Amino acid sequence: MRALDPRALALALLLEVEGGGVQQLLDRALDRVAWPERDKAYVTHLVYGALRRLRLLDHLLAPHLPRPEKLPPLVRWALRLGALEWLLGKPDHARVSPWVEAVKGRYPRLAGLVNAVLRRLAPREAPECVRLSLPDWLCERWRGFFGSLDFAEGFNEPAPLFVTALRKVEGLRPGPVPDSFVFEGPKTDFSALGLQPQNPASLFAAQLLEAQRGEKVLDLCGGAGLKAFYWASQGAEVVSYDLNPKRQEAGRRTAEKLGLKVAYRTQDLTLPIPERAKKVLLDAPCTGTGTFRAHPERRYRLAPEDPARMAELQRRLLETAASATEEGGVLVYAVCSLTEEEGEGVARSFLAGHPEFRPEPIACPLPVLREGLGVYVAPEGGLDGFYYLRLRKVDSRA
């Protein structure tokens, strides 16, 4: 990808984002340009800003574009980015011309349209769901389940770079849970510093197990093993299971760099695994509705039936996790999603069929969105939204 400036690169990335995740596209693109951190940050600002506010931007442009779907994608994204800069307060003389020039090179006949539309933008009242740039169906469900959409404002706000310390560090600002910190410098080789980028809400799911030195931990659906790294750094014996061997291989390489020992097993976890432990975490695949800040494109790809579809898979995975939990042991179920189906719905269904498991209270240091059968964490202050359920398997001999 050849780009002359941050705006051109942001426009090129948004044209590609439908084919993949924005975070991976950005990381690859920014690694290939020798720009100052300020320019790289502006690319990130534009790309994430446009995706986080997409419905609102289209709403602001709508009075001036009777048939926007007929425009070439490059022109539509240029208009959206120009509207974003207007929304963020950039004056006309600094924001209109760059987008006109970006369009002129490919679609010279439409450059005048871009110029006229971006100069005519004006404030326009928007329905709450449009203002938040969320799917209508999801807004309706969240209002019914959580009572309001106030928490959703957090999805469109920037977040600090949180890291987990895998050995003692100094000079970093503490995060909201133990061993979590805010990293305020430029991106670097974190593993060389004994750090791992990780959202505190994800780290807290691992901490709920209270794994002790020498204790065996099963990490189910562990991916590359971010939580496994944390337990291993605390001296636990960790076995991480996942279906994706490529992610596991990346995890092995990182574990070696960190000097940590993690055993990886590749398996379909809808089937039983051949070992058990007193500490088991299932951080299950989900719709990711709690990660809309870091993955804003996901909100536009979800369908109303997706939470129920994922909940069915989660129930099957939880059966495997339950059979792998020894009597007297702890099983933590977690998802980075805020839907009823994938959280309390899965919990109710599982407990109805498993009287040998009892839910335990969770002392949550993070902002709580809803508490009852498990805890939902609010996506505030840069946190991902999460659901946690901590279960104890009753010892039949007790």
Protein backbone atom coordinates (compact mmCIF):
# COMPACT_ATOMS: atom_id res chain seq x y z
CA MET A 1 0.00 0.00 0.00
CA ARG A 2 1.47 3.33 -1.08
CA ALA A 3 0.29 6.38 0.80
CA LEU A 4 1.72 9.89 0.94
CA ASP A 5 0.19 11.10 4.17
CA PRO A 6 -1.93 9.98 7.15
CA ARG A 7 -5.25 10.88 5.49
CA ALA A 8 -4.44 8.89 2.36
CA LEU A 9 -3.45 5.87 4.42
CA ALA A 10 -6.58 6.10 6.56
CA LEU A 11 -8.72 6.21 3.43
CA ALA A 12 -6.93 3.20 1.94
CA LEU A 13 -7.36 1.20 5.14
CA LEU A 14 -11.08 1.91 5.38
CA LEU A 15 -11.50 0.65 1.83
CA GLU A 16 -9.93 -2.64 2.98
CA VAL A 17 -11.56 -3.06 6.36
CA GLU A 18 -14.56 -5.02 5.08
CA GLY A 19 -12.19 -7.88 4.35
CA GLY A 20 -10.68 -8.15 7.83
CA GLY A 21 -10.19 -6.73 11.29
CA VAL A 22 -9.19 -3.08 11.58
CA GLN A 23 -6.55 -3.73 14.24
CA GLN A 24 -4.56 -6.16 12.09
CA LEU A 25 -4.81 -3.92 9.02
CA LEU A 26 -3.59 -0.92 10.99
CA ASP A 27 -0.71 -2.77 12.63
CA ARG A 28 0.56 -4.13 9.30
CA ALA A 29 0.24 -0.77 7.54
CA LEU A 30 1.88 1.30 10.27
CA ASP A 31 4.76 -1.14 10.57
CA ARG A 32 5.61 -0.42 6.93
CA VAL A 33 5.83 3.38 7.13
CA ALA A 34 8.72 5.29 8.69
CA TRP A 35 6.58 8.13 10.03
CA PRO A 36 6.69 10.08 13.28
CA GLU A 37 4.45 8.68 16.03
CA ARG A 38 2.22 11.74 15.67
CA ASP A 39 1.35 10.82 12.06
CA LYS A 40 0.78 7.18 12.91
CA ALA A 41 -1.49 8.24 15.77
CA TYR A 42 -3.54 10.41 13.40
CA VAL A 43 -4.08 7.49 11.03
CA THR A 44 -5.35 5.44 13.97
CA HIS A 45 -7.49 8.37 15.14
CA LEU A 46 -9.15 8.70 11.71
CA VAL A 47 -9.73 5.01 11.09
CA TYR A 48 -11.12 4.19 14.51
CA GLY A 49 -13.06 7.44 14.66
CA ALA A 50 -14.81 6.79 11.34
CA LEU A 51 -15.75 3.23 12.28
CA ARG A 52 -16.87 4.10 15.80
CA ARG A 53 -19.12 6.89 14.53
CA LEU A 54 -20.14 5.46 11.16
CA ARG A 55 -23.92 5.68 11.56
CA LEU A 56 -23.70 9.21 12.93
CA LEU A 57 -21.45 10.33 10.06
CA ASP A 58 -23.85 8.92 7.48
CA HIS A 59 -26.69 10.66 9.32
CA LEU A 60 -24.89 14.02 9.09
CA LEU A 61 -24.18 13.50 5.38
CA ALA A 62 -27.66 12.22 4.51
CA PRO A 63 -29.35 15.61 3.75
CA HIS A 64 -26.72 16.28 1.07
CA LEU A 65 -26.57 12.80 -0.50
CA PRO A 66 -29.91 11.53 -1.83
CA ARG A 67 -28.39 8.22 -3.02
CA PRO A 68 -25.09 7.67 -1.20
CA GLU A 69 -25.07 3.94 -2.03
CA LYS A 70 -24.49 4.87 -5.67
CA LEU A 71 -21.20 6.61 -4.90
CA PRO A 72 -17.88 4.74 -5.28
CA PRO A 73 -16.65 3.42 -1.89
CA LEU A 74 -13.59 5.70 -2.01
CA VAL A 75 -15.81 8.76 -2.33
CA ARG A 76 -18.13 7.66 0.48
CA TRP A 77 -15.23 7.07 2.85
CA ALA A 78 -13.64 10.41 1.93
CA LEU A 79 -16.91 12.14 2.76
CA ARG A 80 -17.19 10.25 6.05
CA LEU A 81 -13.64 11.15 7.04
CA GLY A 82 -14.25 14.78 6.14
CA ALA A 83 -17.42 14.71 8.24
CA LEU A 84 -15.47 13.16 11.11
CA GLU A 85 -12.92 15.98 11.06
CA TRP A 86 -15.80 18.49 10.98
CA LEU A 87 -17.42 16.71 13.94
CA LEU A 88 -14.13 16.92 15.85
CA GLY A 89 -13.84 20.66 15.22
CA LYS A 90 -11.26 20.93 12.45
CA PRO A 91 -11.84 24.15 10.42
CA ASP A 92 -12.90 24.01 6.75
CA HIS A 93 -9.63 25.36 5.38
CA ALA A 94 -7.72 22.47 6.99
CA ARG A 95 -10.07 19.58 6.29
CA VAL A 96 -11.99 20.07 3.02
CA SER A 97 -9.18 20.38 0.46
CA PRO A 98 -7.35 17.15 1.41
CA TRP A 99 -10.46 15.05 0.84
CA VAL A 100 -11.28 16.86 -2.38
CA GLU A 101 -7.76 16.10 -3.63
CA ALA A 102 -8.05 12.46 -2.53
CA VAL A 103 -11.14 12.06 -4.68
CA LYS A 104 -9.92 14.17 -7.60
CA GLY A 105 -7.15 11.71 -8.45
CA ARG A 106 -9.59 8.83 -9.03
CA TYR A 107 -12.98 10.44 -9.63
CA PRO A 108 -12.37 14.02 -10.85
CA ARG A 109 -16.05 14.53 -11.71
CA LEU A 110 -17.04 13.92 -8.09
CA ALA A 111 -14.48 16.26 -6.50
CA GLY A 112 -16.91 19.17 -6.68
CA LEU A 113 -19.57 17.13 -4.90
CA VAL A 114 -17.17 16.35 -2.06
CA ASN A 115 -16.21 20.01 -1.76
CA ALA A 116 -19.84 21.17 -1.67
CA VAL A 117 -21.05 18.53 0.80
CA LEU A 118 -18.21 18.98 3.29
CA ARG A 119 -18.69 22.75 3.32
CA ARG A 120 -22.45 22.45 3.95
CA LEU A 121 -22.31 20.17 6.98
CA ALA A 122 -24.39 21.36 9.92
CA PRO A 123 -25.46 19.96 13.31
CA ARG A 124 -28.35 17.52 13.06
CA GLU A 125 -30.31 15.80 15.84
CA ALA A 126 -29.85 12.04 15.79
CA PRO A 127 -31.72 9.17 17.49
CA GLU A 128 -29.74 7.69 20.39
CA CYS A 129 -28.80 4.51 18.55
CA VAL A 130 -27.62 6.46 15.50
CA ARG A 131 -25.64 8.84 17.70
CA LEU A 132 -23.92 5.86 19.33
CA SER A 133 -23.50 4.13 15.94
CA LEU A 134 -24.96 0.83 17.13
CA PRO A 135 -27.35 -1.61 15.42
CA ASP A 136 -30.99 -0.87 16.26
CA TRP A 137 -31.74 -4.45 17.28
CA LEU A 138 -28.86 -4.48 19.76
CA CYS A 139 -29.90 -1.14 21.25
CA GLU A 140 -33.40 -2.50 21.87
CA ARG A 141 -32.05 -5.58 23.64
CA TRP A 142 -29.62 -3.58 25.76
CA ARG A 143 -32.31 -1.12 26.83
CA GLY A 144 -34.50 -4.03 27.88
CA PHE A 145 -31.74 -5.89 29.73
CA PHE A 146 -29.61 -3.11 31.23
CA GLY A 147 -32.25 -0.38 31.46
CA SER A 148 -30.38 2.26 29.42
CA LEU A 149 -27.62 2.77 26.88
CA ASP A 150 -25.52 5.12 29.00
CA PHE A 151 -22.69 2.58 29.22
CA ALA A 152 -22.42 2.41 25.42
CA GLU A 153 -20.85 5.88 25.27
CA GLY A 154 -17.62 4.16 26.33
CA PHE A 155 -17.40 2.23 23.06
CA ASN A 156 -16.68 5.43 21.12
CA GLU A 157 -14.06 6.88 23.44
CA PRO A 158 -10.29 6.39 23.09
CA ALA A 159 -8.58 4.06 25.53
CA PRO A 160 -5.13 3.92 27.11
CA LEU A 161 -2.76 1.09 26.25
CA PHE A 162 -3.10 -1.39 29.10
CA VAL A 163 -0.36 -3.94 29.75
CA THR A 164 -0.03 -6.85 32.15
CA ALA A 165 3.24 -7.12 34.07
CA LEU A 166 4.66 -10.64 33.97
CA ARG A 167 7.56 -9.63 36.20
CA LYS A 168 8.24 -6.69 38.48
CA VAL A 169 8.17 -3.32 36.71
CA GLU A 170 8.61 0.25 37.86
CA GLY A 171 7.60 3.64 36.55
CA LEU A 172 4.23 2.65 35.03
CA ARG A 173 0.86 4.02 36.06
CA PRO A 174 -1.23 1.33 37.82
CA GLY A 175 -4.33 0.03 36.09
CA PRO A 176 -7.65 -0.93 37.75
CA VAL A 177 -6.61 -4.47 38.80
CA PRO A 178 -3.37 -5.85 40.29
CA ASP A 179 -0.53 -6.37 37.79
CA SER A 180 -2.27 -4.18 35.19
CA PHE A 181 -0.62 -0.93 34.12
CA VAL A 182 -1.04 1.90 31.63
CA PHE A 183 1.79 2.12 29.09
CA GLU A 184 2.22 5.71 27.90
CA GLY A 185 5.24 5.50 25.61
CA PRO A 186 5.49 4.48 21.94
CA LYS A 187 4.84 0.87 21.00
CA THR A 188 7.83 -1.34 21.63
CA ASP A 189 8.91 -4.95 22.11
CA PHE A 190 6.77 -5.51 25.19
CA SER A 191 7.95 -9.06 25.79
CA ALA A 192 11.52 -7.76 26.26
CA LEU A 193 10.17 -5.64 29.12
CA GLY A 194 8.20 -8.49 30.66
CA LEU A 195 4.93 -6.88 29.61
CA GLN A 196 1.97 -8.13 27.62
CA PRO A 197 -0.70 -5.85 26.07
CA GLN A 198 -3.99 -6.93 27.66
CA ASN A 199 -7.21 -5.28 28.71
CA PRO A 200 -7.71 -5.34 32.50
CA ALA A 201 -11.15 -6.90 32.07
CA SER A 202 -9.50 -9.84 30.32
CA LEU A 203 -6.81 -10.09 33.00
CA PHE A 204 -9.43 -10.12 35.76
CA ALA A 205 -11.01 -13.25 34.23
CA ALA A 206 -7.68 -15.01 34.83
CA GLN A 207 -7.36 -13.60 38.35
CA LEU A 208 -10.77 -14.99 39.32
CA LEU A 209 -9.26 -18.48 39.35
CA GLU A 210 -6.88 -17.48 42.19
CA ALA A 211 -4.31 -19.93 40.85
CA GLN A 212 -1.49 -20.74 43.26
CA ARG A 213 2.16 -21.56 42.63
CA GLY A 214 2.52 -25.18 41.54
CA GLU A 215 -1.22 -25.56 40.93
CA LYS A 216 -2.45 -27.00 37.65
CA VAL A 217 -4.60 -24.69 35.51
CA LEU A 218 -6.55 -25.58 32.37
CA ASP A 219 -6.95 -22.68 29.96
CA LEU A 220 -9.78 -23.59 27.56
CA CYS A 221 -10.19 -21.65 24.30
CA GLY A 222 -6.93 -20.01 25.30
CA GLY A 223 -5.86 -18.84 21.84
CA ALA A 224 -2.25 -17.64 21.96
CA GLY A 225 -2.30 -17.88 25.74
CA LEU A 226 -2.40 -14.34 27.16
CA LYS A 227 -4.02 -15.54 30.37
CA ALA A 228 -1.77 -18.60 30.39
CA PHE A 229 1.26 -16.28 30.41
CA TYR A 230 -0.06 -14.59 33.53
CA TRP A 231 -0.61 -17.82 35.46
CA ALA A 232 2.78 -19.18 34.34
CA SER A 233 4.45 -15.98 35.58
CA GLN A 234 2.82 -16.68 38.97
CA GLY A 235 4.32 -20.18 39.06
CA ALA A 236 1.27 -22.22 38.05
CA GLU A 237 1.43 -25.30 35.81
CA VAL A 238 -0.57 -24.22 32.76
CA VAL A 239 -2.09 -26.28 29.95
CA SER A 240 -3.74 -24.18 27.23
CA TYR A 241 -6.25 -25.73 24.82
CA ASP A 242 -7.48 -24.24 21.56
CA LEU A 243 -8.64 -25.30 18.10
CA ASN A 244 -6.37 -22.87 16.22
CA PRO A 245 -2.79 -24.19 15.87
CA LYS A 246 -1.51 -20.98 14.26
CA ARG A 247 -2.51 -18.88 17.24
CA GLN A 248 -0.97 -21.45 19.55
CA GLU A 249 2.30 -21.44 17.63
CA ALA A 250 2.43 -17.64 17.97
CA GLY A 251 1.80 -18.14 21.68
CA ARG A 252 4.66 -20.65 21.97
CA ARG A 253 7.07 -18.16 20.41
CA THR A 254 5.95 -15.38 22.77
CA ALA A 255 6.17 -17.69 25.81
CA GLU A 256 9.76 -18.54 24.86
CA LYS A 257 10.66 -14.85 24.60
CA LEU A 258 9.10 -14.23 27.99
CA GLY A 259 10.88 -17.22 29.53
CA LEU A 260 7.56 -18.83 30.53
CA LYS A 261 6.49 -22.45 30.40
CA VAL A 262 3.05 -23.14 28.89
CA ALA A 263 1.91 -26.49 27.48
CA TYR A 264 -0.29 -26.19 24.39
CA ARG A 265 -2.87 -28.76 23.23
CA THR A 266 -4.79 -28.43 19.97
CA GLN A 267 -8.32 -29.84 20.15
CA ASP A 268 -11.97 -29.29 19.33
CA LEU A 269 -13.32 -28.36 22.75
CA THR A 270 -16.87 -29.40 22.01
CA LEU A 271 -15.38 -32.86 22.75
CA PRO A 272 -14.08 -33.99 26.16
CA ILE A 273 -10.42 -33.43 26.99
CA PRO A 274 -8.24 -36.15 28.54
CA GLU A 275 -7.25 -34.33 31.74
CA ARG A 276 -8.71 -32.57 34.76
CA ALA A 277 -7.71 -29.86 37.20
CA LYS A 278 -9.01 -27.94 40.19
CA LYS A 279 -8.70 -24.63 38.35
CA VAL A 280 -10.36 -24.28 34.92
CA LEU A 281 -11.07 -21.18 32.85
CA LEU A 282 -13.31 -21.14 29.81
CA ASP A 283 -12.97 -17.75 28.07
CA ALA A 284 -15.37 -18.75 25.33
CA PRO A 285 -15.69 -17.50 21.76
CA CYS A 286 -18.48 -14.94 21.60
CA THR A 287 -20.02 -12.13 19.57
CA GLY A 288 -17.53 -9.67 21.07
CA THR A 289 -20.14 -7.02 21.88
CA GLY A 290 -17.96 -5.90 24.78
CA THR A 291 -15.04 -5.10 22.47
CA PHE A 292 -16.66 -2.56 20.14
CA ARG A 293 -14.11 0.08 21.12
CA ALA A 294 -11.09 -1.94 20.00
CA HIS A 295 -12.97 -3.69 17.18
CA PRO A 296 -15.53 -1.13 16.00
CA GLU A 297 -16.17 -2.97 12.73
CA ARG A 298 -17.80 -5.86 14.61
CA ARG A 299 -20.92 -3.86 15.48
CA TYR A 300 -21.87 -3.64 11.79
CA ARG A 301 -21.27 -7.34 11.07
CA LEU A 302 -23.49 -8.84 13.77
CA ALA A 303 -26.96 -10.19 13.04
CA PRO A 304 -29.81 -10.45 15.60
CA GLU A 305 -29.56 -14.23 15.66
CA ASP A 306 -25.81 -14.30 16.40
CA PRO A 307 -25.97 -14.15 20.24
CA ALA A 308 -28.28 -17.17 20.43
CA ARG A 309 -26.11 -19.05 17.92
CA MET A 310 -22.98 -18.36 19.94
CA ALA A 311 -24.75 -19.28 23.19
CA GLU A 312 -25.39 -22.77 21.83
CA LEU A 313 -21.66 -23.23 21.17
CA GLN A 314 -20.81 -21.77 24.58
CA ARG A 315 -23.08 -24.28 26.33
CA ARG A 316 -21.30 -27.15 24.57
CA LEU A 317 -17.90 -25.79 25.54
CA LEU A 318 -19.04 -25.32 29.13
CA GLU A 319 -19.96 -29.01 29.27
CA THR A 320 -16.36 -29.85 28.37
CA ALA A 321 -15.06 -27.41 30.98
CA ALA A 322 -17.36 -28.88 33.64
CA SER A 323 -16.17 -32.43 33.00
CA ALA A 324 -12.54 -31.21 33.23
CA THR A 325 -13.10 -29.61 36.65
CA GLU A 326 -12.18 -31.75 39.65
CA GLU A 327 -14.49 -31.97 42.65
CA GLY A 328 -13.94 -29.05 44.97
CA GLY A 329 -12.41 -27.10 42.13
CA VAL A 330 -13.25 -23.74 40.55
CA LEU A 331 -14.59 -23.19 37.05
CA VAL A 332 -14.70 -19.65 35.66
CA TYR A 333 -16.81 -18.93 32.59
CA ALA A 334 -16.07 -15.62 30.85
CA VAL A 335 -17.04 -13.90 27.60
CA CYS A 336 -16.14 -10.45 26.25
CA SER A 337 -19.79 -9.93 25.38
CA LEU A 338 -22.66 -8.03 27.01
CA THR A 339 -25.64 -9.99 25.74
CA GLU A 340 -28.10 -11.78 28.00
CA GLU A 341 -27.97 -14.93 25.85
CA GLU A 342 -24.20 -15.39 26.16
CA GLY A 343 -24.00 -14.44 29.83
CA GLU A 344 -26.83 -15.11 32.26
CA GLY A 345 -28.67 -17.17 29.65
CA VAL A 346 -25.80 -19.66 29.38
CA ALA A 347 -25.38 -19.63 33.17
CA ARG A 348 -29.06 -20.43 33.84
CA SER A 349 -29.11 -23.22 31.28
CA PHE A 350 -25.91 -24.79 32.62
CA LEU A 351 -26.87 -24.64 36.31
CA ALA A 352 -30.29 -26.13 35.60
CA GLY A 353 -28.55 -29.28 34.40
CA HIS A 354 -25.61 -29.29 36.83
CA PRO A 355 -26.64 -29.21 40.50
CA GLU A 356 -23.07 -30.18 41.42
CA PHE A 357 -21.94 -26.64 40.56
CA ARG A 358 -22.71 -23.64 42.75
CA PRO A 359 -22.16 -20.00 41.78
CA GLU A 360 -19.81 -18.02 44.01
CA PRO A 361 -19.91 -14.26 44.63
CA ILE A 362 -17.44 -12.11 42.75
CA ALA A 363 -15.81 -9.11 44.42
CA CYS A 364 -15.34 -7.08 41.25
CA PRO A 365 -13.02 -4.03 41.35
CA LEU A 366 -14.21 -2.95 37.89
CA PRO A 367 -17.34 -0.85 37.18
CA VAL A 368 -20.32 -3.23 37.35
CA LEU A 369 -23.04 -2.88 34.75
CA ARG A 370 -25.30 -5.64 36.08
CA GLU A 371 -24.90 -8.12 38.93
CA GLY A 372 -26.93 -11.21 39.70
CA LEU A 373 -26.10 -14.61 38.29
CA GLY A 374 -22.54 -13.55 37.51
CA VAL A 375 -21.27 -10.05 36.82
CA TYR A 376 -21.33 -7.83 33.72
CA VAL A 377 -18.52 -5.25 33.56
CA ALA A 378 -19.20 -1.86 31.97
CA PRO A 379 -16.96 -0.67 29.09
CA GLU A 380 -15.79 2.44 30.93
CA GLY A 381 -12.35 4.05 31.13
CA GLY A 382 -10.95 1.94 28.33
CA LEU A 383 -12.24 -1.38 29.69
CA ASP A 384 -13.75 -4.05 27.51
CA GLY A 385 -17.23 -5.18 28.48
CA PHE A 386 -17.12 -8.66 30.04
CA TYR A 387 -19.32 -11.24 31.72
CA TYR A 388 -17.92 -13.48 34.49
CA LEU A 389 -19.39 -16.49 36.26
CA ARG A 390 -17.40 -18.23 39.02
CA LEU A 391 -18.54 -21.75 39.92
CA ARG A 392 -17.49 -24.24 42.59
CA LYS A 393 -17.86 -27.97 41.91
CA VAL A 394 -19.25 -29.54 45.06
CA ASP A 395 -17.15 -32.31 46.55
CA SER A 396 -19.46 -35.35 46.75
CA ARG A 397 -17.48 -36.63 49.75
CA ALA A 398 -18.18 -33.48 51.77
